[in-house]
Amino acid sequence: MLKITDFRPVTLEDRDFFVKHYQRFPQSHSDNTFTNMVCWNDYAHYRYAYVEDCIVLSSTIAGMTRFRPPIGPHNPDLLREVLMLAAGSEEELPFVILDPETKDWMAGLYPELEFHPERR
C-alpha cells in the first residue's frame, strides 16, 4: 500500500531520472515538468514516489498536500492507492492535474467519479 513515507523530495539530482521517464511518458501539464518542480520547490515542496514503473507526484503548499495520477503505464491498482492516499488529505481538492487521456481512463474505471475544472 502506498504511504506518504514512500515519497521523497524532488531535487536537482533527480534530473536524469525524470528526463528518462518523461521521454517515455511525456507530460502535457507544466506543473508536472521537472524544471517547474525544481523552480517552484521552495513554495510547493514537490515530492515523488517511484512505484511499479510509475512516478506519483505530490505537492504541499501551506501544509496542504495534493496528489497527481501515476505517470507511467496505466495501473488501476496503483491509481486506487493514490486515490486512497489523497482521500486522507485535509486539502479541499487533494487530487489534481489530469490530462485528457488520464481523465478518460479514470472515468472508465470510476464512472461515478465527478471531475471539476479548477483554475486558481
PDB file of N, CA and C in Angstrom:
ATOM      1  N   MET A   1       0.843  -1.185   0.000  1.00  0.00           N
ATOM      2  CA  MET A   1       0.000   0.000   0.000  1.00  0.00           C
ATOM      3  C   MET A   1       0.888   1.248   0.000  1.00  0.00           C
ATOM      4  N   LEU A   2       0.581   2.181  -0.862  1.00  0.00           N
ATOM      5  CA  LEU A   2       1.327   3.427  -0.974  1.00  0.00           C
ATOM      6  C   LEU A   2       1.121   4.267   0.285  1.00  0.00           C
ATOM      7  N   LYS A   3       2.225   4.785   0.817  1.00  0.00           N
ATOM      8  CA  LYS A   3       2.172   5.617   2.016  1.00  0.00           C
ATOM      9  C   LYS A   3       2.907   6.925   1.753  1.00  0.00           C
ATOM     10  N   ILE A   4       2.573   7.929   2.523  1.00  0.00           N
ATOM     11  CA  ILE A   4       3.220   9.232   2.381  1.00  0.00           C
ATOM     12  C   ILE A   4       4.726   9.114   2.623  1.00  0.00           C
ATOM     13  N   THR A   5       5.140   8.165   3.428  1.00  0.00           N
ATOM     14  CA  THR A   5       6.566   7.970   3.699  1.00  0.00           C
ATOM     15  C   THR A   5       7.315   7.383   2.495  1.00  0.00           C
ATOM     16  N   ASP A   6       6.588   6.924   1.479  1.00  0.00           N
ATOM     17  CA  ASP A   6       7.216   6.424   0.252  1.00  0.00           C
ATOM     18  C   ASP A   6       7.702   7.564  -0.645  1.00  0.00           C
ATOM     19  N   PHE A   7       7.287   8.783  -0.353  1.00  0.00           N
ATOM     20  CA  PHE A   7       7.629   9.938  -1.177  1.00  0.00           C
ATOM     21  C   PHE A   7       8.917  10.580  -0.682  1.00  0.00           C
ATOM     22  N   ARG A   8       9.711  11.065  -1.658  1.00  0.00           N
ATOM     23  CA  ARG A   8      10.941  11.774  -1.320  1.00  0.00           C
ATOM     24  C   ARG A   8      10.974  13.089  -2.095  1.00  0.00           C
ATOM     25  N   PRO A   9      11.722  14.063  -1.605  1.00  0.00           N
ATOM     26  CA  PRO A   9      11.754  15.373  -2.260  1.00  0.00           C
ATOM     27  C   PRO A   9      12.322  15.294  -3.683  1.00  0.00           C
ATOM     28  N   VAL A  10      11.796  16.121  -4.551  1.00  0.00           N
ATOM     29  CA  VAL A  10      12.360  16.299  -5.890  1.00  0.00           C
ATOM     30  C   VAL A  10      13.570  17.210  -5.739  1.00  0.00           C
ATOM     31  N   THR A  11      14.716  16.759  -6.237  1.00  0.00           N
ATOM     32  CA  THR A  11      15.947  17.551  -6.154  1.00  0.00           C
ATOM     33  C   THR A  11      16.607  17.616  -7.531  1.00  0.00           C
ATOM     34  N   LEU A  12      17.578  18.500  -7.666  1.00  0.00           N
ATOM     35  CA  LEU A  12      18.314  18.600  -8.925  1.00  0.00           C
ATOM     36  C   LEU A  12      18.968  17.284  -9.307  1.00  0.00           C
ATOM     37  N   GLU A  13      19.356  16.513  -8.329  1.00  0.00           N
ATOM     38  CA  GLU A  13      19.999  15.220  -8.591  1.00  0.00           C
ATOM     39  C   GLU A  13      19.057  14.231  -9.283  1.00  0.00           C
ATOM     40  N   ASP A  14      17.746  14.490  -9.260  1.00  0.00           N
ATOM     41  CA  ASP A  14      16.757  13.598  -9.880  1.00  0.00           C
ATOM     42  C   ASP A  14      16.548  13.895 -11.369  1.00  0.00           C
ATOM     43  N   ARG A  15      17.243  14.890 -11.900  1.00  0.00           N
ATOM     44  CA  ARG A  15      17.002  15.332 -13.271  1.00  0.00           C
ATOM     45  C   ARG A  15      17.058  14.191 -14.285  1.00  0.00           C
ATOM     46  N   ASP A  16      18.125  13.426 -14.302  1.00  0.00           N
ATOM     47  CA  ASP A  16      18.257  12.362 -15.299  1.00  0.00           C
ATOM     48  C   ASP A  16      17.142  11.329 -15.181  1.00  0.00           C
ATOM     49  N   PHE A  17      16.757  11.017 -13.960  1.00  0.00           N
ATOM     50  CA  PHE A  17      15.655  10.078 -13.739  1.00  0.00           C
ATOM     51  C   PHE A  17      14.365  10.591 -14.379  1.00  0.00           C
ATOM     52  N   PHE A  18      14.024  11.863 -14.119  1.00  0.00           N
ATOM     53  CA  PHE A  18      12.790  12.429 -14.669  1.00  0.00           C
ATOM     54  C   PHE A  18      12.875  12.561 -16.190  1.00  0.00           C
ATOM     55  N   VAL A  19      14.017  13.012 -16.711  1.00  0.00           N
ATOM     56  CA  VAL A  19      14.174  13.145 -18.162  1.00  0.00           C
ATOM     57  C   VAL A  19      13.941  11.798 -18.839  1.00  0.00           C
ATOM     58  N   LYS A  20      14.556  10.763 -18.322  1.00  0.00           N
ATOM     59  CA  LYS A  20      14.406   9.431 -18.911  1.00  0.00           C
ATOM     60  C   LYS A  20      12.949   8.949 -18.834  1.00  0.00           C
ATOM     61  N   HIS A  21      12.311   9.148 -17.699  1.00  0.00           N
ATOM     62  CA  HIS A  21      10.924   8.692 -17.541  1.00  0.00           C
ATOM     63  C   HIS A  21       9.975   9.497 -18.445  1.00  0.00           C
ATOM     64  N   TYR A  22      10.199  10.805 -18.495  1.00  0.00           N
ATOM     65  CA  TYR A  22       9.319  11.661 -19.298  1.00  0.00           C
ATOM     66  C   TYR A  22       9.553  11.493 -20.799  1.00  0.00           C
ATOM     67  N   GLN A  23      10.667  10.927 -21.209  1.00  0.00           N
ATOM     68  CA  GLN A  23      10.835  10.582 -22.625  1.00  0.00           C
ATOM     69  C   GLN A  23       9.830   9.492 -22.999  1.00  0.00           C
ATOM     70  N   ARG A  24       9.580   8.585 -22.088  1.00  0.00           N
ATOM     71  CA  ARG A  24       8.610   7.511 -22.318  1.00  0.00           C
ATOM     72  C   ARG A  24       7.180   7.968 -22.073  1.00  0.00           C
ATOM     73  N   PHE A  25       7.006   8.885 -21.126  1.00  0.00           N
ATOM     74  CA  PHE A  25       5.666   9.332 -20.729  1.00  0.00           C
ATOM     75  C   PHE A  25       5.665  10.863 -20.677  1.00  0.00           C
ATOM     76  N   PRO A  26       5.619  11.517 -21.858  1.00  0.00           N
ATOM     77  CA  PRO A  26       5.675  12.983 -21.908  1.00  0.00           C
ATOM     78  C   PRO A  26       4.521  13.619 -21.130  1.00  0.00           C
ATOM     79  N   GLN A  27       4.809  14.765 -20.554  1.00  0.00           N
ATOM     80  CA  GLN A  27       3.819  15.483 -19.766  1.00  0.00           C
ATOM     81  C   GLN A  27       3.265  16.662 -20.533  1.00  0.00           C
ATOM     82  N   SER A  28       1.959  16.849 -20.430  1.00  0.00           N
ATOM     83  CA  SER A  28       1.332  17.966 -21.112  1.00  0.00           C
ATOM     84  C   SER A  28       1.057  19.131 -20.159  1.00  0.00           C
ATOM     85  N   HIS A  29       1.116  18.893 -18.870  1.00  0.00           N
ATOM     86  CA  HIS A  29       0.857  19.951 -17.903  1.00  0.00           C
ATOM     87  C   HIS A  29       2.183  20.442 -17.327  1.00  0.00           C
ATOM     88  N   SER A  30       2.389  21.742 -17.366  1.00  0.00           N
ATOM     89  CA  SER A  30       3.668  22.299 -16.951  1.00  0.00           C
ATOM     90  C   SER A  30       3.990  22.027 -15.487  1.00  0.00           C
ATOM     91  N   ASP A  31       2.992  21.881 -14.637  1.00  0.00           N
ATOM     92  CA  ASP A  31       3.242  21.662 -13.214  1.00  0.00           C
ATOM     93  C   ASP A  31       3.921  20.317 -12.949  1.00  0.00           C
ATOM     94  N   ASN A  32       3.822  19.399 -13.896  1.00  0.00           N
ATOM     95  CA  ASN A  32       4.456  18.093 -13.734  1.00  0.00           C
ATOM     96  C   ASN A  32       5.878  18.043 -14.285  1.00  0.00           C
ATOM     97  N   THR A  33       6.321  19.103 -14.949  1.00  0.00           N
ATOM     98  CA  THR A  33       7.656  19.055 -15.544  1.00  0.00           C
ATOM     99  C   THR A  33       8.730  19.218 -14.475  1.00  0.00           C
ATOM    100  N   PHE A  34       9.850  18.592 -14.713  1.00  0.00           N
ATOM    101  CA  PHE A  34      10.946  18.633 -13.750  1.00  0.00           C
ATOM    102  C   PHE A  34      11.419  20.067 -13.501  1.00  0.00           C
ATOM    103  N   THR A  35      11.594  20.834 -14.572  1.00  0.00           N
ATOM    104  CA  THR A  35      12.081  22.207 -14.427  1.00  0.00           C
ATOM    105  C   THR A  35      11.170  23.033 -13.535  1.00  0.00           C
ATOM    106  N   ASN A  36       9.861  22.955 -13.759  1.00  0.00           N
ATOM    107  CA  ASN A  36       8.937  23.719 -12.916  1.00  0.00           C
ATOM    108  C   ASN A  36       8.959  23.244 -11.471  1.00  0.00           C
ATOM    109  N   MET A  37       9.042  21.916 -11.282  1.00  0.00           N
ATOM    110  CA  MET A  37       9.078  21.419  -9.903  1.00  0.00           C
ATOM    111  C   MET A  37      10.305  21.952  -9.172  1.00  0.00           C
ATOM    112  N   VAL A  38      11.470  21.953  -9.827  1.00  0.00           N
ATOM    113  CA  VAL A  38      12.682  22.451  -9.184  1.00  0.00           C
ATOM    114  C   VAL A  38      12.565  23.957  -8.930  1.00  0.00           C
ATOM    115  N   CYS A  39      12.051  24.697  -9.901  1.00  0.00           N
ATOM    116  CA  CYS A  39      11.937  26.154  -9.752  1.00  0.00           C
ATOM    117  C   CYS A  39      10.963  26.556  -8.644  1.00  0.00           C
ATOM    118  N   TRP A  40       9.881  25.822  -8.487  1.00  0.00           N
ATOM    119  CA  TRP A  40       8.839  26.155  -7.522  1.00  0.00           C
ATOM    120  C   TRP A  40       8.926  25.330  -6.239  1.00  0.00           C
ATOM    121  N   ASN A  41       9.984  24.570  -6.078  1.00  0.00           N
ATOM    122  CA  ASN A  41      10.081  23.643  -4.961  1.00  0.00           C
ATOM    123  C   ASN A  41      10.052  24.329  -3.591  1.00  0.00           C
ATOM    124  N   ASP A  42      10.614  25.509  -3.468  1.00  0.00           N
ATOM    125  CA  ASP A  42      10.572  26.199  -2.172  1.00  0.00           C
ATOM    126  C   ASP A  42       9.142  26.548  -1.773  1.00  0.00           C
ATOM    127  N   TYR A  43       8.292  26.740  -2.751  1.00  0.00           N
ATOM    128  CA  TYR A  43       6.890  27.079  -2.491  1.00  0.00           C
ATOM    129  C   TYR A  43       6.008  25.837  -2.388  1.00  0.00           C
ATOM    130  N   ALA A  44       6.150  24.911  -3.332  1.00  0.00           N
ATOM    131  CA  ALA A  44       5.204  23.793  -3.446  1.00  0.00           C
ATOM    132  C   ALA A  44       5.712  22.478  -2.851  1.00  0.00           C
ATOM    133  N   HIS A  45       6.955  22.417  -2.454  1.00  0.00           N
ATOM    134  CA  HIS A  45       7.503  21.229  -1.782  1.00  0.00           C
ATOM    135  C   HIS A  45       7.117  19.939  -2.501  1.00  0.00           C
ATOM    136  N   TYR A  46       7.580  19.815  -3.742  1.00  0.00           N
ATOM    137  CA  TYR A  46       7.276  18.643  -4.560  1.00  0.00           C
ATOM    138  C   TYR A  46       7.976  17.403  -4.011  1.00  0.00           C
ATOM    139  N   ARG A  47       7.257  16.303  -4.065  1.00  0.00           N
ATOM    140  CA  ARG A  47       7.788  15.010  -3.659  1.00  0.00           C
ATOM    141  C   ARG A  47       7.330  13.981  -4.687  1.00  0.00           C
ATOM    142  N   TYR A  48       8.039  12.856  -4.730  1.00  0.00           N
ATOM    143  CA  TYR A  48       7.624  11.805  -5.655  1.00  0.00           C
ATOM    144  C   TYR A  48       7.916  10.437  -5.069  1.00  0.00           C
ATOM    145  N   ALA A  49       7.152   9.487  -5.565  1.00  0.00           N
ATOM    146  CA  ALA A  49       7.387   8.072  -5.274  1.00  0.00           C
ATOM    147  C   ALA A  49       7.488   7.370  -6.618  1.00  0.00           C
ATOM    148  N   TYR A  50       8.375   6.398  -6.698  1.00  0.00           N
ATOM    149  CA  TYR A  50       8.503   5.607  -7.919  1.00  0.00           C
ATOM    150  C   TYR A  50       7.996   4.208  -7.591  1.00  0.00           C
ATOM    151  N   VAL A  51       6.865   3.864  -8.201  1.00  0.00           N
ATOM    152  CA  VAL A  51       6.187   2.612  -7.878  1.00  0.00           C
ATOM    153  C   VAL A  51       5.776   1.917  -9.167  1.00  0.00           C
ATOM    154  N   GLU A  52       6.222   0.699  -9.359  1.00  0.00           N
ATOM    155  CA  GLU A  52       5.806  -0.127 -10.498  1.00  0.00           C
ATOM    156  C   GLU A  52       5.912   0.617 -11.829  1.00  0.00           C
ATOM    157  N   ASP A  53       7.070   1.215 -12.080  1.00  0.00           N
ATOM    158  CA  ASP A  53       7.380   1.935 -13.313  1.00  0.00           C
ATOM    159  C   ASP A  53       6.561   3.213 -13.475  1.00  0.00           C
ATOM    160  N   CYS A  54       6.024   3.731 -12.376  1.00  0.00           N
ATOM    161  CA  CYS A  54       5.247   4.974 -12.402  1.00  0.00           C
ATOM    162  C   CYS A  54       5.812   5.971 -11.402  1.00  0.00           C
ATOM    163  N   ILE A  55       5.761   7.232 -11.785  1.00  0.00           N
ATOM    164  CA  ILE A  55       6.066   8.317 -10.858  1.00  0.00           C
ATOM    165  C   ILE A  55       4.738   8.833 -10.323  1.00  0.00           C
ATOM    166  N   VAL A  56       4.655   8.972  -9.011  1.00  0.00           N
ATOM    167  CA  VAL A  56       3.494   9.585  -8.367  1.00  0.00           C
ATOM    168  C   VAL A  56       3.999  10.865  -7.717  1.00  0.00           C
ATOM    169  N   LEU A  57       3.410  11.993  -8.089  1.00  0.00           N
ATOM    170  CA  LEU A  57       3.833  13.292  -7.575  1.00  0.00           C
ATOM    171  C   LEU A  57       2.883  13.797  -6.504  1.00  0.00           C
ATOM    172  N   SER A  58       3.454  14.546  -5.578  1.00  0.00           N
ATOM    173  CA  SER A  58       2.646  15.296  -4.618  1.00  0.00           C
ATOM    174  C   SER A  58       3.273  16.672  -4.464  1.00  0.00           C
ATOM    175  N   SER A  59       2.472  17.606  -4.005  1.00  0.00           N
ATOM    176  CA  SER A  59       2.984  18.920  -3.653  1.00  0.00           C
ATOM    177  C   SER A  59       2.276  19.357  -2.382  1.00  0.00           C
ATOM    178  N   THR A  60       2.994  20.098  -1.565  1.00  0.00           N
ATOM    179  CA  THR A  60       2.423  20.568  -0.304  1.00  0.00           C
ATOM    180  C   THR A  60       2.622  22.077  -0.231  1.00  0.00           C
ATOM    181  N   ILE A  61       1.505  22.785  -0.194  1.00  0.00           N
ATOM    182  CA  ILE A  61       1.501  24.235  -0.126  1.00  0.00           C
ATOM    183  C   ILE A  61       0.706  24.629   1.112  1.00  0.00           C
ATOM    184  N   ALA A  62       1.317  25.438   1.948  1.00  0.00           N
ATOM    185  CA  ALA A  62       0.675  25.902   3.187  1.00  0.00           C
ATOM    186  C   ALA A  62       0.150  24.721   4.012  1.00  0.00           C
ATOM    187  N   GLY A  63       0.920  23.645   4.038  1.00  0.00           N
ATOM    188  CA  GLY A  63       0.559  22.485   4.856  1.00  0.00           C
ATOM    189  C   GLY A  63      -0.477  21.559   4.256  1.00  0.00           C
ATOM    190  N   MET A  64      -0.962  21.868   3.054  1.00  0.00           N
ATOM    191  CA  MET A  64      -1.984  21.045   2.404  1.00  0.00           C
ATOM    192  C   MET A  64      -1.359  20.284   1.242  1.00  0.00           C
ATOM    193  N   THR A  65      -1.538  18.968   1.232  1.00  0.00           N
ATOM    194  CA  THR A  65      -0.919  18.121   0.223  1.00  0.00           C
ATOM    195  C   THR A  65      -1.917  17.701  -0.832  1.00  0.00           C
ATOM    196  N   ARG A  66      -1.461  17.781  -2.080  1.00  0.00           N
ATOM    197  CA  ARG A  66      -2.238  17.348  -3.243  1.00  0.00           C
ATOM    198  C   ARG A  66      -1.438  16.274  -3.970  1.00  0.00           C
ATOM    199  N   PHE A  67      -2.160  15.349  -4.577  1.00  0.00           N
ATOM    200  CA  PHE A  67      -1.538  14.249  -5.314  1.00  0.00           C
ATOM    201  C   PHE A  67      -1.969  14.295  -6.767  1.00  0.00           C
ATOM    202  N   ARG A  68      -1.158  13.663  -7.616  1.00  0.00           N
ATOM    203  CA  ARG A  68      -1.446  13.576  -9.040  1.00  0.00           C
ATOM    204  C   ARG A  68      -1.530  12.111  -9.441  1.00  0.00           C
ATOM    205  N   PRO A  69      -2.180  11.835 -10.564  1.00  0.00           N
ATOM    206  CA  PRO A  69      -2.269  10.446 -11.028  1.00  0.00           C
ATOM    207  C   PRO A  69      -0.883   9.884 -11.339  1.00  0.00           C
ATOM    208  N   PRO A  70      -0.734   8.590 -11.258  1.00  0.00           N
ATOM    209  CA  PRO A  70       0.545   7.976 -11.610  1.00  0.00           C
ATOM    210  C   PRO A  70       0.937   8.304 -13.049  1.00  0.00           C
ATOM    211  N   ILE A  71       2.210   8.597 -13.241  1.00  0.00           N
ATOM    212  CA  ILE A  71       2.751   8.889 -14.565  1.00  0.00           C
ATOM    213  C   ILE A  71       3.518   7.651 -15.010  1.00  0.00           C
ATOM    214  N   GLY A  72       2.955   6.951 -15.971  1.00  0.00           N
ATOM    215  CA  GLY A  72       3.555   5.717 -16.447  1.00  0.00           C
ATOM    216  C   GLY A  72       2.486   4.825 -17.029  1.00  0.00           C
ATOM    217  N   PRO A  73       2.756   3.533 -17.104  1.00  0.00           N
ATOM    218  CA  PRO A  73       1.744   2.614 -17.634  1.00  0.00           C
ATOM    219  C   PRO A  73       0.485   2.657 -16.765  1.00  0.00           C
ATOM    220  N   HIS A  74      -0.659   2.598 -17.405  1.00  0.00           N
ATOM    221  CA  HIS A  74      -1.914   2.614 -16.648  1.00  0.00           C
ATOM    222  C   HIS A  74      -1.977   1.411 -15.720  1.00  0.00           C
ATOM    223  N   ASN A  75      -2.111   1.691 -14.447  1.00  0.00           N
ATOM    224  CA  ASN A  75      -2.129   0.670 -13.419  1.00  0.00           C
ATOM    225  C   ASN A  75      -3.292   0.968 -12.487  1.00  0.00           C
ATOM    226  N   PRO A  76      -4.437   0.305 -12.680  1.00  0.00           N
ATOM    227  CA  PRO A  76      -5.620   0.602 -11.860  1.00  0.00           C
ATOM    228  C   PRO A  76      -5.388   0.415 -10.362  1.00  0.00           C
ATOM    229  N   ASP A  77      -4.589  -0.565  -9.984  1.00  0.00           N
ATOM    230  CA  ASP A  77      -4.337  -0.789  -8.557  1.00  0.00           C
ATOM    231  C   ASP A  77      -3.551   0.364  -7.944  1.00  0.00           C
ATOM    232  N   LEU A  78      -2.541   0.842  -8.655  1.00  0.00           N
ATOM    233  CA  LEU A  78      -1.763   1.971  -8.155  1.00  0.00           C
ATOM    234  C   LEU A  78      -2.615   3.236  -8.118  1.00  0.00           C
ATOM    235  N   LEU A  79      -3.430   3.446  -9.133  1.00  0.00           N
ATOM    236  CA  LEU A  79      -4.329   4.602  -9.128  1.00  0.00           C
ATOM    237  C   LEU A  79      -5.222   4.565  -7.893  1.00  0.00           C
ATOM    238  N   ARG A  80      -5.773   3.414  -7.579  1.00  0.00           N
ATOM    239  CA  ARG A  80      -6.635   3.278  -6.394  1.00  0.00           C
ATOM    240  C   ARG A  80      -5.851   3.634  -5.129  1.00  0.00           C
ATOM    241  N   GLU A  81      -4.595   3.198  -5.048  1.00  0.00           N
ATOM    242  CA  GLU A  81      -3.779   3.526  -3.880  1.00  0.00           C
ATOM    243  C   GLU A  81      -3.546   5.033  -3.759  1.00  0.00           C
ATOM    244  N   VAL A  82      -3.292   5.692  -4.890  1.00  0.00           N
ATOM    245  CA  VAL A  82      -3.087   7.148  -4.866  1.00  0.00           C
ATOM    246  C   VAL A  82      -4.383   7.844  -4.459  1.00  0.00           C
ATOM    247  N   LEU A  83      -5.504   7.394  -4.992  1.00  0.00           N
ATOM    248  CA  LEU A  83      -6.795   7.987  -4.612  1.00  0.00           C
ATOM    249  C   LEU A  83      -7.071   7.805  -3.120  1.00  0.00           C
ATOM    250  N   MET A  84      -6.730   6.654  -2.583  1.00  0.00           N
ATOM    251  CA  MET A  84      -6.921   6.414  -1.147  1.00  0.00           C
ATOM    252  C   MET A  84      -6.015   7.337  -0.327  1.00  0.00           C
ATOM    253  N   LEU A  85      -4.788   7.511  -0.777  1.00  0.00           N
ATOM    254  CA  LEU A  85      -3.873   8.413  -0.095  1.00  0.00           C
ATOM    255  C   LEU A  85      -4.405   9.847  -0.146  1.00  0.00           C
ATOM    256  N   ALA A  86      -4.891  10.253  -1.306  1.00  0.00           N
ATOM    257  CA  ALA A  86      -5.454  11.604  -1.461  1.00  0.00           C
ATOM    258  C   ALA A  86      -6.684  11.789  -0.579  1.00  0.00           C
ATOM    259  N   ALA A  87      -7.485  10.757  -0.440  1.00  0.00           N
ATOM    260  CA  ALA A  87      -8.698  10.854   0.376  1.00  0.00           C
ATOM    261  C   ALA A  87      -8.358  11.149   1.837  1.00  0.00           C
ATOM    262  N   GLY A  88      -7.158  10.818   2.266  1.00  0.00           N
ATOM    263  CA  GLY A  88      -6.742  11.088   3.634  1.00  0.00           C
ATOM    264  C   GLY A  88      -6.184  12.484   3.841  1.00  0.00           C
ATOM    265  N   SER A  89      -6.062  13.257   2.769  1.00  0.00           N
ATOM    266  CA  SER A  89      -5.538  14.618   2.868  1.00  0.00           C
ATOM    267  C   SER A  89      -6.621  15.559   3.377  1.00  0.00           C
ATOM    268  N   GLU A  90      -6.198  16.599   4.084  1.00  0.00           N
ATOM    269  CA  GLU A  90      -7.146  17.614   4.548  1.00  0.00           C
ATOM    270  C   GLU A  90      -7.404  18.668   3.482  1.00  0.00           C
ATOM    271  N   GLU A  91      -6.693  18.595   2.377  1.00  0.00           N
ATOM    272  CA  GLU A  91      -6.844  19.534   1.261  1.00  0.00           C
ATOM    273  C   GLU A  91      -8.249  19.400   0.670  1.00  0.00           C
ATOM    274  N   GLU A  92      -8.847  20.522   0.320  1.00  0.00           N
ATOM    275  CA  GLU A  92     -10.191  20.521  -0.283  1.00  0.00           C
ATOM    276  C   GLU A  92     -10.190  19.778  -1.625  1.00  0.00           C
ATOM    277  N   LEU A  93      -9.143  19.960  -2.406  1.00  0.00           N
ATOM    278  CA  LEU A  93      -9.003  19.302  -3.703  1.00  0.00           C
ATOM    279  C   LEU A  93      -7.703  18.502  -3.687  1.00  0.00           C
ATOM    280  N   PRO A  94      -7.715  17.298  -3.109  1.00  0.00           N
ATOM    281  CA  PRO A  94      -6.465  16.575  -2.883  1.00  0.00           C
ATOM    282  C   PRO A  94      -5.911  15.810  -4.077  1.00  0.00           C
ATOM    283  N   PHE A  95      -6.660  15.769  -5.178  1.00  0.00           N
ATOM    284  CA  PHE A  95      -6.225  15.009  -6.353  1.00  0.00           C
ATOM    285  C   PHE A  95      -6.413  15.910  -7.559  1.00  0.00           C
ATOM    286  N   VAL A  96      -5.306  16.245  -8.237  1.00  0.00           N
ATOM    287  CA  VAL A  96      -5.364  17.287  -9.263  1.00  0.00           C
ATOM    288  C   VAL A  96      -4.539  16.936 -10.495  1.00  0.00           C
ATOM    289  N   ILE A  97      -4.712  17.765 -11.498  1.00  0.00           N
ATOM    290  CA  ILE A  97      -3.931  17.794 -12.738  1.00  0.00           C
ATOM    291  C   ILE A  97      -4.082  16.506 -13.551  1.00  0.00           C
ATOM    292  N   LEU A  98      -5.166  16.483 -14.282  1.00  0.00           N
ATOM    293  CA  LEU A  98      -5.445  15.347 -15.155  1.00  0.00           C
ATOM    294  C   LEU A  98      -5.346  15.788 -16.608  1.00  0.00           C
ATOM    295  N   ASP A  99      -4.534  15.095 -17.362  1.00  0.00           N
ATOM    296  CA  ASP A  99      -4.546  15.339 -18.798  1.00  0.00           C
ATOM    297  C   ASP A  99      -5.778  14.610 -19.358  1.00  0.00           C
ATOM    298  N   PRO A 100      -6.236  14.958 -20.549  1.00  0.00           N
ATOM    299  CA  PRO A 100      -7.470  14.354 -21.080  1.00  0.00           C
ATOM    300  C   PRO A 100      -7.431  12.822 -21.145  1.00  0.00           C
ATOM    301  N   GLU A 101      -6.294  12.247 -21.526  1.00  0.00           N
ATOM    302  CA  GLU A 101      -6.213  10.785 -21.607  1.00  0.00           C
ATOM    303  C   GLU A 101      -6.382  10.136 -20.233  1.00  0.00           C
ATOM    304  N   THR A 102      -5.735  10.703 -19.227  1.00  0.00           N
ATOM    305  CA  THR A 102      -5.847  10.151 -17.873  1.00  0.00           C
ATOM    306  C   THR A 102      -7.260  10.325 -17.341  1.00  0.00           C
ATOM    307  N   LYS A 103      -7.863  11.464 -17.614  1.00  0.00           N
ATOM    308  CA  LYS A 103      -9.246  11.696 -17.173  1.00  0.00           C
ATOM    309  C   LYS A 103     -10.176  10.650 -17.790  1.00  0.00           C
ATOM    310  N   ASP A 104     -10.031  10.380 -19.075  1.00  0.00           N
ATOM    311  CA  ASP A 104     -10.875   9.380 -19.736  1.00  0.00           C
ATOM    312  C   ASP A 104     -10.642   7.988 -19.155  1.00  0.00           C
ATOM    313  N   TRP A 105      -9.385   7.658 -18.887  1.00  0.00           N
ATOM    314  CA  TRP A 105      -9.056   6.363 -18.289  1.00  0.00           C
ATOM    315  C   TRP A 105      -9.713   6.229 -16.919  1.00  0.00           C
ATOM    316  N   MET A 106      -9.584   7.283 -16.100  1.00  0.00           N
ATOM    317  CA  MET A 106     -10.168   7.248 -14.761  1.00  0.00           C
ATOM    318  C   MET A 106     -11.692   7.182 -14.823  1.00  0.00           C
ATOM    319  N   ALA A 107     -12.291   7.917 -15.747  1.00  0.00           N
ATOM    320  CA  ALA A 107     -13.753   7.898 -15.878  1.00  0.00           C
ATOM    321  C   ALA A 107     -14.246   6.512 -16.267  1.00  0.00           C
ATOM    322  N   GLY A 108     -13.468   5.791 -17.062  1.00  0.00           N
ATOM    323  CA  GLY A 108     -13.830   4.423 -17.417  1.00  0.00           C
ATOM    324  C   GLY A 108     -13.753   3.479 -16.225  1.00  0.00           C
ATOM    325  N   LEU A 109     -12.777   3.715 -15.348  1.00  0.00           N
ATOM    326  CA  LEU A 109     -12.629   2.876 -14.152  1.00  0.00           C
ATOM    327  C   LEU A 109     -13.628   3.239 -13.061  1.00  0.00           C
ATOM    328  N   TYR A 110     -13.901   4.531 -12.936  1.00  0.00           N
ATOM    329  CA  TYR A 110     -14.767   5.050 -11.875  1.00  0.00           C
ATOM    330  C   TYR A 110     -15.847   5.948 -12.475  1.00  0.00           C
ATOM    331  N   PRO A 111     -16.868   5.362 -13.110  1.00  0.00           N
ATOM    332  CA  PRO A 111     -17.881   6.187 -13.781  1.00  0.00           C
ATOM    333  C   PRO A 111     -18.640   7.113 -12.832  1.00  0.00           C
ATOM    334  N   GLU A 112     -18.664   6.793 -11.548  1.00  0.00           N
ATOM    335  CA  GLU A 112     -19.379   7.626 -10.579  1.00  0.00           C
ATOM    336  C   GLU A 112     -18.551   8.831 -10.119  1.00  0.00           C
ATOM    337  N   LEU A 113     -17.280   8.873 -10.472  1.00  0.00           N
ATOM    338  CA  LEU A 113     -16.391   9.942 -10.055  1.00  0.00           C
ATOM    339  C   LEU A 113     -16.730  11.226 -10.802  1.00  0.00           C
ATOM    340  N   GLU A 114     -16.814  12.326 -10.062  1.00  0.00           N
ATOM    341  CA  GLU A 114     -17.110  13.616 -10.673  1.00  0.00           C
ATOM    342  C   GLU A 114     -15.791  14.380 -10.880  1.00  0.00           C
ATOM    343  N   PHE A 115     -15.670  14.998 -12.030  1.00  0.00           N
ATOM    344  CA  PHE A 115     -14.490  15.796 -12.360  1.00  0.00           C
ATOM    345  C   PHE A 115     -14.897  17.261 -12.444  1.00  0.00           C
ATOM    346  N   HIS A 116     -14.069  18.124 -11.888  1.00  0.00           N
ATOM    347  CA  HIS A 116     -14.368  19.556 -11.883  1.00  0.00           C
ATOM    348  C   HIS A 116     -13.134  20.332 -12.312  1.00  0.00           C
ATOM    349  N   PRO A 117     -13.294  21.231 -13.294  1.00  0.00           N
ATOM    350  CA  PRO A 117     -12.151  22.071 -13.654  1.00  0.00           C
ATOM    351  C   PRO A 117     -11.862  23.048 -12.510  1.00  0.00           C
ATOM    352  N   GLU A 118     -10.596  23.316 -12.288  1.00  0.00           N
ATOM    353  CA  GLU A 118     -10.218  24.241 -11.228  1.00  0.00           C
ATOM    354  C   GLU A 118      -9.082  25.094 -11.729  1.00  0.00           C
ATOM    355  N   ARG A 119      -9.266  26.380 -11.671  1.00  0.00           N
ATOM    356  CA  ARG A 119      -8.219  27.328 -12.049  1.00  0.00           C
ATOM    357  C   ARG A 119      -8.058  28.274 -10.869  1.00  0.00           C
ATOM    358  N   ARG A 120      -6.918  28.256 -10.234  1.00  0.00           N
ATOM    359  CA  ARG A 120      -6.676  29.171  -9.104  1.00  0.00           C
ATOM    360  C   ARG A 120      -5.732  30.250  -9.510  1.00  0.00           C
TER     361      ARG A 120
END
